[in-house]
Protein backbone atom coordinates (compact mmCIF):
# COMPACT_ATOMS: atom_id res chain seq x y z
CA MET A 1 50.84 113.77 33.83
CA LYS A 2 54.25 112.59 34.98
CA ILE A 3 56.56 115.53 35.64
CA LYS A 4 59.53 113.84 37.30
CA GLU A 5 61.08 110.41 37.74
CA GLU A 6 64.00 109.62 40.03
CA ILE A 7 65.91 106.37 40.28
CA LEU A 8 67.35 105.83 43.75
CA TYR A 9 69.34 103.01 45.29
CA ASP A 10 68.80 101.90 48.89
CA ASN A 11 72.09 100.55 50.26
CA VAL A 12 70.51 99.26 53.46
CA GLU A 13 67.94 97.00 51.79
CA ASP A 14 69.95 96.58 48.57
CA LYS A 15 67.10 97.53 46.23
CA LEU A 16 66.31 99.97 43.47
CA ILE A 17 63.60 102.59 44.09
CA ILE A 18 61.84 104.44 41.29
CA LYS A 19 60.17 107.61 42.58
CA LYS A 20 57.62 109.16 40.21
CA THR A 21 56.07 112.60 40.67
CA HIS A 22 52.77 113.42 38.96
CA ASP A 23 50.77 116.61 38.47
CA HIS A 24 47.04 115.98 38.08
CA THR A 25 46.07 119.62 37.50
CA PRO A 26 45.21 119.14 33.78
CA GLU A 27 43.10 116.05 34.55
CA MET A 28 41.25 117.83 37.35
CA ALA A 29 40.48 120.76 35.01
CA ARG A 30 39.13 118.29 32.44
CA ILE A 31 36.93 116.66 35.10
CA ARG A 32 35.53 120.07 36.09
CA GLU A 33 34.69 120.73 32.43
CA LEU A 34 33.00 117.32 32.15
CA ARG A 35 30.88 118.14 35.22
CA GLU A 36 29.71 121.34 33.55
CA ILE A 37 28.99 119.62 30.23
CA CYS A 38 27.29 116.50 31.59
CA GLY A 39 25.45 118.23 34.39
CA VAL A 40 24.50 116.70 37.70
CA GLU A 41 21.64 114.50 36.58
CA GLN A 42 22.67 113.11 33.17
CA LYS A 43 18.98 112.63 32.39
CA GLY A 44 17.78 109.66 30.37
CA ALA A 45 21.15 107.97 30.22
CA GLU A 46 21.31 104.23 30.87
CA LYS A 47 25.05 104.57 31.18
CA LYS A 48 26.51 107.44 33.12
CA LEU A 49 29.96 108.96 33.26
CA ILE A 50 30.78 108.34 36.91
CA GLY A 51 34.29 109.71 36.97
CA ALA A 52 37.62 110.07 35.23
CA VAL A 53 40.65 108.67 37.02
CA PRO A 54 44.20 108.89 35.62
CA LEU A 55 45.81 105.50 35.00
CA ASP A 56 48.69 106.12 37.40
CA VAL A 57 46.18 106.72 40.20
CA ILE A 58 44.31 103.50 39.34
CA ALA A 59 47.63 101.61 39.33
CA GLN A 60 48.45 103.00 42.79
CA TRP A 61 44.99 102.10 44.14
CA CYS A 62 45.34 98.54 42.82
CA LYS A 63 48.82 98.23 44.34
CA GLU A 64 47.53 99.43 47.73
CA ALA A 65 44.61 96.99 47.58
CA GLY A 66 46.82 94.09 46.47
CA VAL A 67 44.87 93.65 43.22
CA SER A 68 46.53 92.58 39.98
CA TRP A 69 46.13 94.93 37.02
CA ASP A 70 45.00 91.94 34.92
CA ASP A 71 42.00 91.20 37.18
CA SER A 72 39.51 93.59 35.57
CA TYR A 73 36.61 92.70 37.89
CA ALA A 74 38.65 93.30 41.06
CA ARG A 75 40.14 96.45 39.54
CA GLY A 76 36.63 97.74 38.86
CA GLU A 77 35.62 97.03 42.44
CA VAL A 78 38.65 98.92 43.76
CA ILE A 79 37.81 101.89 41.55
CA LYS A 80 34.15 101.81 42.64
CA GLN A 81 35.16 101.68 46.30
CA ARG A 82 37.74 104.47 45.98
CA LEU A 83 35.41 106.78 44.02
CA GLY A 84 32.94 106.47 46.88
CA MET A 85 35.48 107.91 49.34
CA SER A 86 35.25 111.62 50.07
CA GLU A 87 38.98 112.25 49.57
CA ASN A 88 38.65 111.05 45.95
CA SER A 89 35.52 113.08 45.12
CA GLY A 90 37.58 115.31 42.83
CA PHE A 91 37.66 112.47 40.29
CA ARG A 92 33.85 112.16 40.28
CA VAL A 93 31.84 113.65 37.41
CA TRP A 94 28.41 112.34 38.42
CA LYS A 95 27.53 112.90 42.08
CA GLY A 96 24.74 110.30 42.28
CA LYS A 97 24.90 106.80 43.77
CA TYR A 98 25.56 103.67 41.75
C-alpha cells in the first residue's frame, strides 16, 4: 500500500524524481494467513499458490531486471527467480520447489 509520494527536482541532472514510499505490512499479514489456510503441502492440487507479490514490488523487480511490463513471459521468469531468493521468502505461500 502506498503511504507517501514525493515529487523532487534534481537541478544538477535537470530531471524530475518521483519518490514513492510503500508499507507492505497488510500484504505480509495476508500472506501469513494464506500460509495457514493453504498449509505447507497443498495436497492434490495441480496448481499451487506459490506466492503473493504486490504489484509495485513486481514493477520494481522488472525495472531492475530490464524487463518490460508487457513481456508476460519474461515478467514471469523474473518473478520465479526472485521468489526463489531467500530475501524474498516472505512473499512465498508454498515452500516447495517448482
